Amino acid sequence: MPGTARHDREMVNDARRRLATCSEPLERLRLLCLARGSAGIKGLGRVFRIMDDDGNRSLDEREFLKGLRDFGLLMEAAEARQTFKTFDQDGSGSIDFEEFLKALRPPMSSSRKESVLQAFQKFDRNGDGVVTIEDLKGVYNPKHHPKYQNGEWTEDQVFLSFLQNFDSPYDKDGKVTQEEFLNYYSGVSASIHSDVYFLLMMKNSWRL
């Protein structure tokens, strides 16, 4: 259901090529995330959330730089500080990381974003804003999965494997929020140039 492996490879290769000539700090950070695949931006968001010990949903410069390092995004210190200052427009010394992640996402047209939100609403059966194994039961049939059929996996293992399509490879928790879903599909969207093709992919994948 998520973006195909071919699209992911194309996006990674394109991001790496563009990095060679990109000098604008925010765009470089965006490309560094995309060079790690469709889950790159969502994975960076997970790192920031883990660091948010006091729950104030903001990061100071030290936390921001540490988050980039922990996620393995290699930027010069001066470049990373400039990126931080771009978002700390009021000079308060902290940034709202949800707003930061929204700005980091590759832009999507309104029609693309609408289709992604429709898919999430269908995915999120109980409407609590978080998709878990329980949401998949009755919607996704695990019995057609080859590893279930050969006895290697249980139904829950198949469900968890499906959810991990959207999870960061660096922090798999078996849960997908709407923001994570948008972050994931913004990466997929970056690999598909045609609106018509993207919308058709979403329609066919999620039966919208």
N, C-alpha and C. Protein backbone atom coordinates (compact mmCIF):
# COMPACT_ATOMS: atom_id res chain seq x y z
N MET A 1 0.80 -1.22 0.00
CA MET A 1 0.00 0.00 0.00
C MET A 1 0.83 1.27 0.00
N PRO A 2 1.93 1.33 0.78
CA PRO A 2 2.72 2.55 0.71
C PRO A 2 3.43 2.66 -0.62
N GLY A 3 4.27 3.69 -0.78
CA GLY A 3 4.96 3.90 -2.04
C GLY A 3 5.77 2.68 -2.42
N THR A 4 5.88 2.44 -3.71
CA THR A 4 6.60 1.27 -4.16
C THR A 4 8.08 1.42 -3.90
N ALA A 5 8.78 0.27 -3.85
CA ALA A 5 10.22 0.30 -3.63
C ALA A 5 10.92 1.05 -4.75
N ARG A 6 10.39 0.93 -5.97
CA ARG A 6 11.01 1.62 -7.11
C ARG A 6 10.94 3.13 -6.92
N HIS A 7 9.78 3.63 -6.49
CA HIS A 7 9.65 5.07 -6.25
C HIS A 7 10.61 5.53 -5.16
N ASP A 8 10.73 4.70 -4.13
CA ASP A 8 11.63 5.05 -3.03
C ASP A 8 13.07 5.15 -3.53
N ARG A 9 13.49 4.20 -4.32
CA ARG A 9 14.86 4.23 -4.86
C ARG A 9 15.09 5.45 -5.72
N GLU A 10 14.10 5.78 -6.56
CA GLU A 10 14.21 6.95 -7.43
C GLU A 10 14.33 8.22 -6.60
N MET A 11 13.52 8.32 -5.54
CA MET A 11 13.56 9.50 -4.70
C MET A 11 14.90 9.63 -3.99
N VAL A 12 15.42 8.52 -3.45
CA VAL A 12 16.71 8.54 -2.77
C VAL A 12 17.81 8.99 -3.72
N ASN A 13 17.82 8.43 -4.93
CA ASN A 13 18.85 8.79 -5.90
C ASN A 13 18.75 10.25 -6.31
N ASP A 14 17.50 10.73 -6.49
CA ASP A 14 17.30 12.13 -6.88
C ASP A 14 17.76 13.06 -5.76
N ALA A 15 17.44 12.71 -4.51
CA ALA A 15 17.85 13.55 -3.38
C ALA A 15 19.37 13.62 -3.27
N ARG A 16 20.02 12.50 -3.49
CA ARG A 16 21.49 12.48 -3.42
C ARG A 16 22.11 13.34 -4.52
N ARG A 17 21.52 13.27 -5.70
CA ARG A 17 22.04 14.10 -6.81
C ARG A 17 21.88 15.58 -6.50
N ARG A 18 20.71 15.95 -6.00
CA ARG A 18 20.44 17.37 -5.73
C ARG A 18 21.27 17.90 -4.57
N LEU A 19 21.63 17.03 -3.64
CA LEU A 19 22.46 17.46 -2.51
C LEU A 19 23.81 18.00 -2.97
N ALA A 20 24.29 17.46 -4.09
CA ALA A 20 25.62 17.85 -4.57
C ALA A 20 25.69 19.33 -4.93
N THR A 21 24.55 19.94 -5.28
CA THR A 21 24.56 21.34 -5.72
C THR A 21 23.71 22.25 -4.84
N CYS A 22 23.03 21.69 -3.83
CA CYS A 22 22.14 22.49 -2.99
C CYS A 22 22.93 23.17 -1.87
N SER A 23 22.68 24.45 -1.66
CA SER A 23 23.39 25.18 -0.61
C SER A 23 22.44 25.77 0.44
N GLU A 24 21.12 25.81 0.17
CA GLU A 24 20.16 26.41 1.09
C GLU A 24 19.95 25.45 2.27
N PRO A 25 20.18 25.89 3.52
CA PRO A 25 20.19 24.97 4.67
C PRO A 25 18.93 24.11 4.83
N LEU A 26 17.74 24.72 4.78
CA LEU A 26 16.52 23.94 4.98
C LEU A 26 16.35 22.91 3.87
N GLU A 27 16.59 23.31 2.63
CA GLU A 27 16.45 22.37 1.52
C GLU A 27 17.47 21.25 1.64
N ARG A 28 18.68 21.55 2.09
CA ARG A 28 19.69 20.51 2.29
C ARG A 28 19.23 19.51 3.35
N LEU A 29 18.66 20.02 4.44
CA LEU A 29 18.17 19.12 5.49
C LEU A 29 17.03 18.26 4.96
N ARG A 30 16.15 18.86 4.18
CA ARG A 30 15.05 18.10 3.57
C ARG A 30 15.61 16.98 2.67
N LEU A 31 16.60 17.32 1.86
CA LEU A 31 17.18 16.33 0.95
C LEU A 31 17.93 15.23 1.71
N LEU A 32 18.59 15.61 2.82
CA LEU A 32 19.27 14.60 3.64
C LEU A 32 18.26 13.59 4.19
N CYS A 33 17.08 14.09 4.58
CA CYS A 33 16.03 13.19 5.06
C CYS A 33 15.52 12.31 3.93
N LEU A 34 15.23 12.90 2.77
CA LEU A 34 14.70 12.14 1.65
C LEU A 34 15.71 11.12 1.14
N ALA A 35 16.99 11.41 1.30
CA ALA A 35 18.02 10.46 0.87
C ALA A 35 18.02 9.21 1.73
N ARG A 36 17.26 9.22 2.82
CA ARG A 36 17.13 8.05 3.68
C ARG A 36 15.82 7.31 3.43
N GLY A 37 15.08 7.72 2.40
CA GLY A 37 13.85 7.03 2.05
C GLY A 37 12.60 7.77 2.50
N SER A 38 11.45 7.22 2.15
CA SER A 38 10.18 7.88 2.41
C SER A 38 9.93 8.12 3.90
N ALA A 39 10.51 7.29 4.76
CA ALA A 39 10.29 7.43 6.20
C ALA A 39 11.30 8.36 6.85
N GLY A 40 12.17 9.00 6.07
CA GLY A 40 13.23 9.82 6.64
C GLY A 40 12.74 10.97 7.48
N ILE A 41 11.80 11.76 6.96
CA ILE A 41 11.29 12.91 7.70
C ILE A 41 10.53 12.46 8.94
N LYS A 42 9.74 11.40 8.79
CA LYS A 42 8.99 10.88 9.93
C LYS A 42 9.95 10.36 11.00
N GLY A 43 11.04 9.75 10.58
CA GLY A 43 12.02 9.25 11.54
C GLY A 43 12.68 10.36 12.33
N LEU A 44 12.97 11.48 11.66
CA LEU A 44 13.55 12.62 12.35
C LEU A 44 12.55 13.17 13.37
N GLY A 45 11.27 13.18 13.00
CA GLY A 45 10.23 13.61 13.94
C GLY A 45 10.18 12.73 15.18
N ARG A 46 10.35 11.42 14.99
CA ARG A 46 10.36 10.50 16.13
C ARG A 46 11.51 10.83 17.08
N VAL A 47 12.68 11.09 16.51
CA VAL A 47 13.85 11.42 17.34
C VAL A 47 13.55 12.67 18.18
N PHE A 48 12.97 13.69 17.55
CA PHE A 48 12.65 14.93 18.27
C PHE A 48 11.63 14.67 19.38
N ARG A 49 10.64 13.84 19.11
CA ARG A 49 9.62 13.58 20.13
C ARG A 49 10.22 12.84 21.33
N ILE A 50 11.12 11.91 21.06
CA ILE A 50 11.77 11.19 22.15
C ILE A 50 12.55 12.14 23.04
N MET A 51 13.15 13.16 22.41
CA MET A 51 13.96 14.12 23.16
C MET A 51 13.11 15.11 23.95
N ASP A 52 11.82 15.18 23.66
CA ASP A 52 10.95 16.17 24.29
C ASP A 52 10.51 15.69 25.68
N ASP A 53 11.47 15.65 26.60
CA ASP A 53 11.22 15.07 27.92
C ASP A 53 10.13 15.81 28.70
N ASP A 54 10.08 17.14 28.58
CA ASP A 54 9.11 17.90 29.37
C ASP A 54 7.78 18.08 28.66
N GLY A 55 7.66 17.55 27.44
CA GLY A 55 6.39 17.58 26.72
C GLY A 55 5.97 18.94 26.22
N ASN A 56 6.92 19.87 26.10
CA ASN A 56 6.53 21.22 25.64
C ASN A 56 6.56 21.36 24.13
N ARG A 57 6.89 20.27 23.42
CA ARG A 57 6.84 20.21 21.95
C ARG A 57 7.73 21.27 21.31
N SER A 58 8.83 21.59 21.97
CA SER A 58 9.77 22.54 21.38
C SER A 58 11.19 22.06 21.67
N LEU A 59 12.14 22.58 20.90
CA LEU A 59 13.54 22.21 21.03
C LEU A 59 14.39 23.46 21.08
N ASP A 60 15.41 23.44 21.95
CA ASP A 60 16.39 24.53 21.88
C ASP A 60 17.49 24.12 20.91
N GLU A 61 18.43 25.01 20.69
CA GLU A 61 19.46 24.75 19.69
C GLU A 61 20.28 23.51 20.01
N ARG A 62 20.62 23.32 21.27
CA ARG A 62 21.42 22.15 21.65
C ARG A 62 20.66 20.86 21.36
N GLU A 63 19.37 20.82 21.71
CA GLU A 63 18.55 19.63 21.45
C GLU A 63 18.40 19.39 19.95
N PHE A 64 18.23 20.49 19.22
CA PHE A 64 18.07 20.38 17.77
C PHE A 64 19.32 19.75 17.15
N LEU A 65 20.50 20.26 17.52
CA LEU A 65 21.75 19.73 16.97
C LEU A 65 21.96 18.28 17.38
N LYS A 66 21.62 17.95 18.62
CA LYS A 66 21.76 16.57 19.09
C LYS A 66 20.81 15.64 18.34
N GLY A 67 19.59 16.12 18.07
CA GLY A 67 18.63 15.30 17.33
C GLY A 67 19.13 14.96 15.93
N LEU A 68 19.72 15.95 15.27
CA LEU A 68 20.27 15.69 13.94
C LEU A 68 21.38 14.65 14.01
N ARG A 69 22.25 14.79 15.02
CA ARG A 69 23.36 13.84 15.16
C ARG A 69 22.83 12.44 15.48
N ASP A 70 21.87 12.36 16.41
CA ASP A 70 21.33 11.05 16.80
C ASP A 70 20.68 10.34 15.63
N PHE A 71 20.09 11.12 14.73
CA PHE A 71 19.44 10.53 13.56
C PHE A 71 20.45 10.24 12.44
N GLY A 72 21.68 10.71 12.63
CA GLY A 72 22.73 10.44 11.65
C GLY A 72 22.73 11.37 10.46
N LEU A 73 22.12 12.57 10.61
CA LEU A 73 22.12 13.54 9.52
C LEU A 73 23.37 14.41 9.65
N LEU A 74 24.26 14.27 8.70
CA LEU A 74 25.55 14.94 8.77
C LEU A 74 25.48 16.32 8.14
N MET A 75 25.46 17.33 8.99
CA MET A 75 25.50 18.72 8.54
C MET A 75 26.63 19.41 9.29
N GLU A 76 27.26 20.37 8.63
CA GLU A 76 28.22 21.21 9.34
C GLU A 76 27.50 21.94 10.47
N ALA A 77 28.20 22.13 11.60
CA ALA A 77 27.58 22.76 12.76
C ALA A 77 27.03 24.14 12.43
N ALA A 78 27.79 24.91 11.66
CA ALA A 78 27.34 26.26 11.29
C ALA A 78 26.08 26.20 10.43
N GLU A 79 26.03 25.21 9.54
CA GLU A 79 24.86 25.04 8.67
C GLU A 79 23.64 24.64 9.48
N ALA A 80 23.82 23.72 10.44
CA ALA A 80 22.72 23.28 11.28
C ALA A 80 22.20 24.44 12.15
N ARG A 81 23.12 25.25 12.66
CA ARG A 81 22.71 26.41 13.47
C ARG A 81 21.94 27.42 12.63
N GLN A 82 22.36 27.60 11.37
CA GLN A 82 21.65 28.52 10.50
C GLN A 82 20.23 28.01 10.22
N THR A 83 20.10 26.70 10.05
CA THR A 83 18.77 26.11 9.85
C THR A 83 17.90 26.37 11.07
N PHE A 84 18.46 26.17 12.25
CA PHE A 84 17.71 26.43 13.48
C PHE A 84 17.26 27.88 13.55
N LYS A 85 18.17 28.80 13.24
CA LYS A 85 17.85 30.23 13.34
C LYS A 85 16.77 30.63 12.33
N THR A 86 16.70 29.92 11.21
CA THR A 86 15.66 30.19 10.21
C THR A 86 14.28 30.02 10.83
N PHE A 87 14.15 29.07 11.76
CA PHE A 87 12.86 28.79 12.37
C PHE A 87 12.67 29.53 13.69
N ASP A 88 13.75 29.92 14.32
CA ASP A 88 13.65 30.68 15.56
C ASP A 88 13.54 32.17 15.21
N GLN A 89 12.45 32.51 14.52
CA GLN A 89 12.31 33.86 13.98
C GLN A 89 12.12 34.92 15.06
N ASP A 90 11.60 34.52 16.23
CA ASP A 90 11.40 35.51 17.28
C ASP A 90 12.60 35.61 18.22
N GLY A 91 13.65 34.81 17.92
CA GLY A 91 14.86 34.87 18.73
C GLY A 91 14.70 34.33 20.13
N SER A 92 13.69 33.47 20.34
CA SER A 92 13.41 32.96 21.69
C SER A 92 14.39 31.88 22.12
N GLY A 93 15.12 31.32 21.16
CA GLY A 93 16.05 30.25 21.48
C GLY A 93 15.44 28.87 21.43
N SER A 94 14.18 28.77 20.96
CA SER A 94 13.55 27.46 20.81
C SER A 94 12.64 27.47 19.59
N ILE A 95 12.36 26.27 19.07
CA ILE A 95 11.46 26.14 17.91
C ILE A 95 10.42 25.07 18.21
N ASP A 96 9.24 25.25 17.66
CA ASP A 96 8.17 24.26 17.72
C ASP A 96 8.50 23.18 16.70
N PHE A 97 8.78 21.96 17.19
CA PHE A 97 9.25 20.97 16.22
C PHE A 97 8.15 20.44 15.32
N GLU A 98 6.89 20.54 15.71
CA GLU A 98 5.82 20.13 14.79
C GLU A 98 5.76 21.09 13.60
N GLU A 99 5.88 22.40 13.88
CA GLU A 99 5.89 23.37 12.79
C GLU A 99 7.12 23.19 11.91
N PHE A 100 8.23 22.87 12.57
CA PHE A 100 9.47 22.63 11.83
C PHE A 100 9.31 21.45 10.87
N LEU A 101 8.73 20.35 11.36
CA LEU A 101 8.56 19.16 10.51
C LEU A 101 7.60 19.43 9.36
N LYS A 102 6.56 20.23 9.62
CA LYS A 102 5.64 20.58 8.54
C LYS A 102 6.36 21.35 7.45
N ALA A 103 7.25 22.28 7.86
CA ALA A 103 8.00 23.05 6.87
C ALA A 103 9.02 22.17 6.15
N LEU A 104 9.50 21.13 6.83
CA LEU A 104 10.51 20.26 6.24
C LEU A 104 9.93 19.33 5.18
N ARG A 105 8.64 19.01 5.31
CA ARG A 105 8.02 18.13 4.33
C ARG A 105 8.13 18.71 2.92
N PRO A 106 8.42 17.89 1.92
CA PRO A 106 8.30 18.37 0.54
C PRO A 106 6.87 18.82 0.30
N PRO A 107 6.66 19.93 -0.37
CA PRO A 107 5.29 20.43 -0.57
C PRO A 107 4.44 19.45 -1.37
N MET A 108 3.18 19.33 -0.97
CA MET A 108 2.20 18.52 -1.71
C MET A 108 1.07 19.43 -2.17
N SER A 109 0.53 19.16 -3.34
CA SER A 109 -0.63 19.92 -3.80
C SER A 109 -1.80 19.61 -2.88
N SER A 110 -2.80 20.48 -2.88
CA SER A 110 -3.96 20.28 -2.00
C SER A 110 -4.69 18.98 -2.32
N SER A 111 -4.72 18.60 -3.59
CA SER A 111 -5.41 17.36 -3.96
C SER A 111 -4.66 16.14 -3.45
N ARG A 112 -3.32 16.21 -3.48
CA ARG A 112 -2.53 15.09 -2.95
C ARG A 112 -2.73 14.97 -1.44
N LYS A 113 -2.65 16.10 -0.76
CA LYS A 113 -2.79 16.07 0.70
C LYS A 113 -4.17 15.57 1.10
N GLU A 114 -5.19 16.00 0.37
CA GLU A 114 -6.56 15.55 0.67
C GLU A 114 -6.68 14.04 0.53
N SER A 115 -6.06 13.47 -0.52
CA SER A 115 -6.15 12.02 -0.72
C SER A 115 -5.42 11.26 0.39
N VAL A 116 -4.30 11.82 0.87
CA VAL A 116 -3.56 11.19 1.96
C VAL A 116 -4.39 11.21 3.24
N LEU A 117 -5.04 12.34 3.52
CA LEU A 117 -5.87 12.44 4.73
C LEU A 117 -7.08 11.50 4.64
N GLN A 118 -7.65 11.37 3.45
CA GLN A 118 -8.77 10.43 3.27
C GLN A 118 -8.31 9.00 3.55
N ALA A 119 -7.11 8.66 3.07
CA ALA A 119 -6.58 7.32 3.30
C ALA A 119 -6.37 7.08 4.78
N PHE A 120 -5.84 8.08 5.48
CA PHE A 120 -5.61 7.90 6.92
C PHE A 120 -6.93 7.70 7.67
N GLN A 121 -7.94 8.48 7.30
CA GLN A 121 -9.24 8.33 7.96
C GLN A 121 -9.81 6.93 7.76
N LYS A 122 -9.55 6.36 6.59
CA LYS A 122 -10.02 5.01 6.34
C LYS A 122 -9.20 4.00 7.14
N PHE A 123 -7.92 4.29 7.26
CA PHE A 123 -6.97 3.46 7.99
C PHE A 123 -7.29 3.47 9.49
N ASP A 124 -7.65 4.64 10.01
CA ASP A 124 -7.89 4.86 11.44
C ASP A 124 -9.35 4.54 11.75
N ARG A 125 -9.63 3.27 11.94
CA ARG A 125 -11.02 2.82 12.05
C ARG A 125 -11.76 3.42 13.23
N ASN A 126 -11.09 3.55 14.39
CA ASN A 126 -11.81 4.05 15.57
C ASN A 126 -11.71 5.56 15.72
N GLY A 127 -11.03 6.23 14.80
CA GLY A 127 -11.01 7.69 14.79
C GLY A 127 -10.24 8.35 15.92
N ASP A 128 -9.30 7.62 16.54
CA ASP A 128 -8.57 8.22 17.67
C ASP A 128 -7.27 8.91 17.23
N GLY A 129 -7.00 8.92 15.93
CA GLY A 129 -5.83 9.63 15.43
C GLY A 129 -4.55 8.83 15.45
N VAL A 130 -4.62 7.57 15.89
CA VAL A 130 -3.45 6.69 15.92
C VAL A 130 -3.86 5.33 15.36
N VAL A 131 -3.10 4.82 14.40
CA VAL A 131 -3.40 3.52 13.81
C VAL A 131 -2.54 2.46 14.49
N THR A 132 -3.20 1.39 14.95
CA THR A 132 -2.52 0.28 15.61
C THR A 132 -2.98 -1.03 14.96
N ILE A 133 -2.48 -2.13 15.50
CA ILE A 133 -2.88 -3.44 15.01
C ILE A 133 -4.40 -3.60 15.07
N GLU A 134 -5.02 -3.08 16.13
CA GLU A 134 -6.46 -3.23 16.29
C GLU A 134 -7.22 -2.58 15.14
N ASP A 135 -6.71 -1.45 14.62
CA ASP A 135 -7.37 -0.79 13.50
C ASP A 135 -7.32 -1.63 12.24
N LEU A 136 -6.26 -2.43 12.11
CA LEU A 136 -6.10 -3.23 10.90
C LEU A 136 -7.02 -4.44 10.87
N LYS A 137 -7.37 -4.93 12.04
CA LYS A 137 -8.20 -6.13 12.09
C LYS A 137 -9.56 -5.85 11.47
N GLY A 138 -9.96 -6.67 10.54
CA GLY A 138 -11.21 -6.49 9.83
C GLY A 138 -11.08 -5.61 8.61
N VAL A 139 -9.92 -4.97 8.42
CA VAL A 139 -9.69 -4.12 7.25
C VAL A 139 -8.64 -4.74 6.33
N TYR A 140 -7.59 -5.26 6.96
CA TYR A 140 -6.47 -5.84 6.22
C TYR A 140 -6.45 -7.34 6.52
N ASN A 141 -6.50 -8.16 5.49
CA ASN A 141 -6.55 -9.62 5.67
C ASN A 141 -5.14 -10.20 5.65
N PRO A 142 -4.66 -10.68 6.80
CA PRO A 142 -3.28 -11.19 6.85
C PRO A 142 -3.12 -12.59 6.27
N LYS A 143 -4.23 -13.27 6.02
CA LYS A 143 -4.15 -14.68 5.65
C LYS A 143 -3.62 -14.92 4.24
N HIS A 144 -3.53 -13.82 3.45
CA HIS A 144 -2.95 -13.96 2.11
C HIS A 144 -1.45 -13.75 2.11
N HIS A 145 -0.90 -13.33 3.26
CA HIS A 145 0.54 -13.07 3.33
C HIS A 145 1.28 -14.41 3.28
N PRO A 146 2.30 -14.53 2.44
CA PRO A 146 3.00 -15.83 2.31
C PRO A 146 3.61 -16.34 3.61
N LYS A 147 4.06 -15.43 4.49
CA LYS A 147 4.68 -15.89 5.73
C LYS A 147 3.63 -16.39 6.73
N TYR A 148 2.38 -15.92 6.58
CA TYR A 148 1.29 -16.48 7.39
C TYR A 148 0.92 -17.85 6.84
N GLN A 149 0.87 -17.93 5.53
CA GLN A 149 0.45 -19.18 4.89
C GLN A 149 1.43 -20.32 5.16
N ASN A 150 2.73 -19.99 5.27
CA ASN A 150 3.69 -21.08 5.53
C ASN A 150 3.93 -21.30 7.03
N GLY A 151 3.19 -20.57 7.88
CA GLY A 151 3.28 -20.78 9.31
C GLY A 151 4.40 -20.04 10.00
N GLU A 152 5.16 -19.24 9.25
CA GLU A 152 6.30 -18.53 9.83
C GLU A 152 5.85 -17.39 10.74
N TRP A 153 4.76 -16.70 10.37
CA TRP A 153 4.26 -15.55 11.14
C TRP A 153 2.84 -15.80 11.63
N THR A 154 2.50 -15.18 12.77
CA THR A 154 1.12 -15.14 13.24
C THR A 154 0.40 -13.97 12.56
N GLU A 155 -0.92 -13.87 12.76
CA GLU A 155 -1.67 -12.75 12.21
C GLU A 155 -1.11 -11.42 12.72
N ASP A 156 -0.84 -11.34 14.04
CA ASP A 156 -0.34 -10.09 14.60
C ASP A 156 1.02 -9.71 14.02
N GLN A 157 1.86 -10.68 13.72
CA GLN A 157 3.16 -10.39 13.11
C GLN A 157 2.99 -9.82 11.70
N VAL A 158 1.99 -10.31 10.98
CA VAL A 158 1.71 -9.76 9.65
C VAL A 158 1.21 -8.32 9.77
N PHE A 159 0.30 -8.08 10.73
CA PHE A 159 -0.21 -6.72 10.96
C PHE A 159 0.94 -5.77 11.30
N LEU A 160 1.83 -6.20 12.22
CA LEU A 160 2.94 -5.35 12.64
C LEU A 160 3.87 -5.06 11.46
N SER A 161 4.11 -6.04 10.63
CA SER A 161 4.96 -5.84 9.45
C SER A 161 4.35 -4.80 8.52
N PHE A 162 3.04 -4.83 8.37
CA PHE A 162 2.37 -3.85 7.52
C PHE A 162 2.54 -2.45 8.09
N LEU A 163 2.32 -2.28 9.41
CA LEU A 163 2.47 -0.97 10.02
C LEU A 163 3.89 -0.44 9.88
N GLN A 164 4.87 -1.33 9.90
CA GLN A 164 6.26 -0.91 9.83
C GLN A 164 6.63 -0.35 8.47
N ASN A 165 5.77 -0.54 7.46
CA ASN A 165 5.98 0.16 6.19
C ASN A 165 6.04 1.68 6.41
N PHE A 166 5.28 2.15 7.41
CA PHE A 166 5.18 3.58 7.67
C PHE A 166 6.08 4.02 8.82
N ASP A 167 6.67 3.05 9.52
CA ASP A 167 7.50 3.37 10.67
C ASP A 167 8.90 3.74 10.25
N SER A 168 9.52 4.60 11.03
CA SER A 168 10.94 4.87 10.84
C SER A 168 11.72 3.62 11.16
N PRO A 169 12.70 3.26 10.34
CA PRO A 169 13.52 2.09 10.66
C PRO A 169 14.32 2.28 11.95
N TYR A 170 14.36 3.52 12.48
CA TYR A 170 15.18 3.83 13.65
C TYR A 170 14.37 3.82 14.95
N ASP A 171 13.06 3.69 14.82
CA ASP A 171 12.22 3.70 16.03
C ASP A 171 10.87 3.10 15.71
N LYS A 172 10.79 1.78 15.67
CA LYS A 172 9.55 1.11 15.32
C LYS A 172 8.71 0.89 16.57
N ASP A 173 7.53 1.49 16.62
CA ASP A 173 6.68 1.31 17.80
C ASP A 173 5.33 0.70 17.47
N GLY A 174 5.10 0.36 16.19
CA GLY A 174 3.85 -0.28 15.82
C GLY A 174 2.65 0.63 15.85
N LYS A 175 2.88 1.95 15.87
CA LYS A 175 1.79 2.92 15.87
C LYS A 175 2.08 3.98 14.81
N VAL A 176 1.02 4.45 14.16
CA VAL A 176 1.18 5.47 13.12
C VAL A 176 0.19 6.60 13.38
N THR A 177 0.69 7.82 13.59
CA THR A 177 -0.18 8.98 13.77
C THR A 177 -0.46 9.63 12.42
N GLN A 178 -1.44 10.55 12.40
CA GLN A 178 -1.76 11.25 11.16
C GLN A 178 -0.55 12.04 10.66
N GLU A 179 0.17 12.69 11.59
CA GLU A 179 1.35 13.45 11.19
C GLU A 179 2.40 12.55 10.59
N GLU A 180 2.61 11.37 11.18
CA GLU A 180 3.59 10.43 10.65
C GLU A 180 3.16 9.94 9.26
N PHE A 181 1.87 9.71 9.09
CA PHE A 181 1.34 9.27 7.81
C PHE A 181 1.59 10.35 6.75
N LEU A 182 1.33 11.61 7.11
CA LEU A 182 1.59 12.72 6.18
C LEU A 182 3.09 12.85 5.90
N ASN A 183 3.91 12.72 6.94
CA ASN A 183 5.34 12.81 6.73
C ASN A 183 5.83 11.71 5.79
N TYR A 184 5.28 10.50 5.97
CA TYR A 184 5.66 9.39 5.10
C TYR A 184 5.27 9.67 3.65
N TYR A 185 4.00 10.04 3.45
CA TYR A 185 3.53 10.22 2.08
C TYR A 185 4.08 11.48 1.42
N SER A 186 4.55 12.45 2.21
CA SER A 186 5.22 13.60 1.59
C SER A 186 6.51 13.12 0.93
N GLY A 187 7.16 12.12 1.54
CA GLY A 187 8.34 11.53 0.93
C GLY A 187 7.99 10.77 -0.33
N VAL A 188 6.92 9.97 -0.26
CA VAL A 188 6.47 9.25 -1.47
C VAL A 188 6.11 10.24 -2.57
N SER A 189 5.40 11.30 -2.20
CA SER A 189 4.97 12.31 -3.17
C SER A 189 6.16 12.93 -3.89
N ALA A 190 7.25 13.12 -3.14
CA ALA A 190 8.44 13.75 -3.73
C ALA A 190 9.03 12.91 -4.85
N SER A 191 8.72 11.60 -4.86
CA SER A 191 9.27 10.72 -5.88
C SER A 191 8.36 10.58 -7.09
N ILE A 192 7.16 11.20 -7.04
CA ILE A 192 6.18 11.06 -8.12
C ILE A 192 5.84 12.44 -8.66
N HIS A 193 6.18 12.72 -9.89
CA HIS A 193 6.02 14.07 -10.43
C HIS A 193 4.59 14.36 -10.89
N SER A 194 3.86 13.32 -11.26
CA SER A 194 2.52 13.52 -11.83
C SER A 194 1.45 13.45 -10.74
N ASP A 195 0.64 14.52 -10.61
CA ASP A 195 -0.50 14.50 -9.68
C ASP A 195 -1.45 13.37 -10.03
N VAL A 196 -1.71 13.20 -11.31
CA VAL A 196 -2.66 12.17 -11.76
C VAL A 196 -2.18 10.79 -11.30
N TYR A 197 -0.89 10.52 -11.48
CA TYR A 197 -0.36 9.21 -11.08
C TYR A 197 -0.42 9.02 -9.57
N PHE A 198 -0.06 10.06 -8.82
CA PHE A 198 -0.09 9.96 -7.35
C PHE A 198 -1.51 9.68 -6.86
N LEU A 199 -2.48 10.44 -7.38
CA LEU A 199 -3.87 10.27 -6.94
C LEU A 199 -4.39 8.89 -7.32
N LEU A 200 -3.99 8.39 -8.49
CA LEU A 200 -4.42 7.06 -8.91
C LEU A 200 -3.81 6.00 -8.00
N MET A 201 -2.53 6.19 -7.63
CA MET A 201 -1.88 5.26 -6.72
C MET A 201 -2.61 5.21 -5.38
N MET A 202 -2.97 6.39 -4.83
CA MET A 202 -3.66 6.43 -3.55
C MET A 202 -5.05 5.79 -3.66
N LYS A 203 -5.73 6.08 -4.76
CA LYS A 203 -7.08 5.53 -4.96
C LYS A 203 -7.04 4.01 -5.02
N ASN A 204 -6.09 3.47 -5.78
CA ASN A 204 -6.00 2.03 -5.93
C ASN A 204 -5.50 1.34 -4.65
N SER A 205 -4.55 2.01 -3.97
CA SER A 205 -3.98 1.41 -2.76
C SER A 205 -4.98 1.34 -1.61
N TRP A 206 -5.77 2.41 -1.48
CA TRP A 206 -6.66 2.53 -0.33
C TRP A 206 -8.13 2.43 -0.69
N ARG A 207 -8.42 2.17 -1.96
CA ARG A 207 -9.81 2.03 -2.43
C ARG A 207 -10.65 3.25 -2.04
N LEU A 208 -10.12 4.42 -2.35
CA LEU A 208 -10.79 5.67 -1.99
C LEU A 208 -11.97 5.94 -2.91
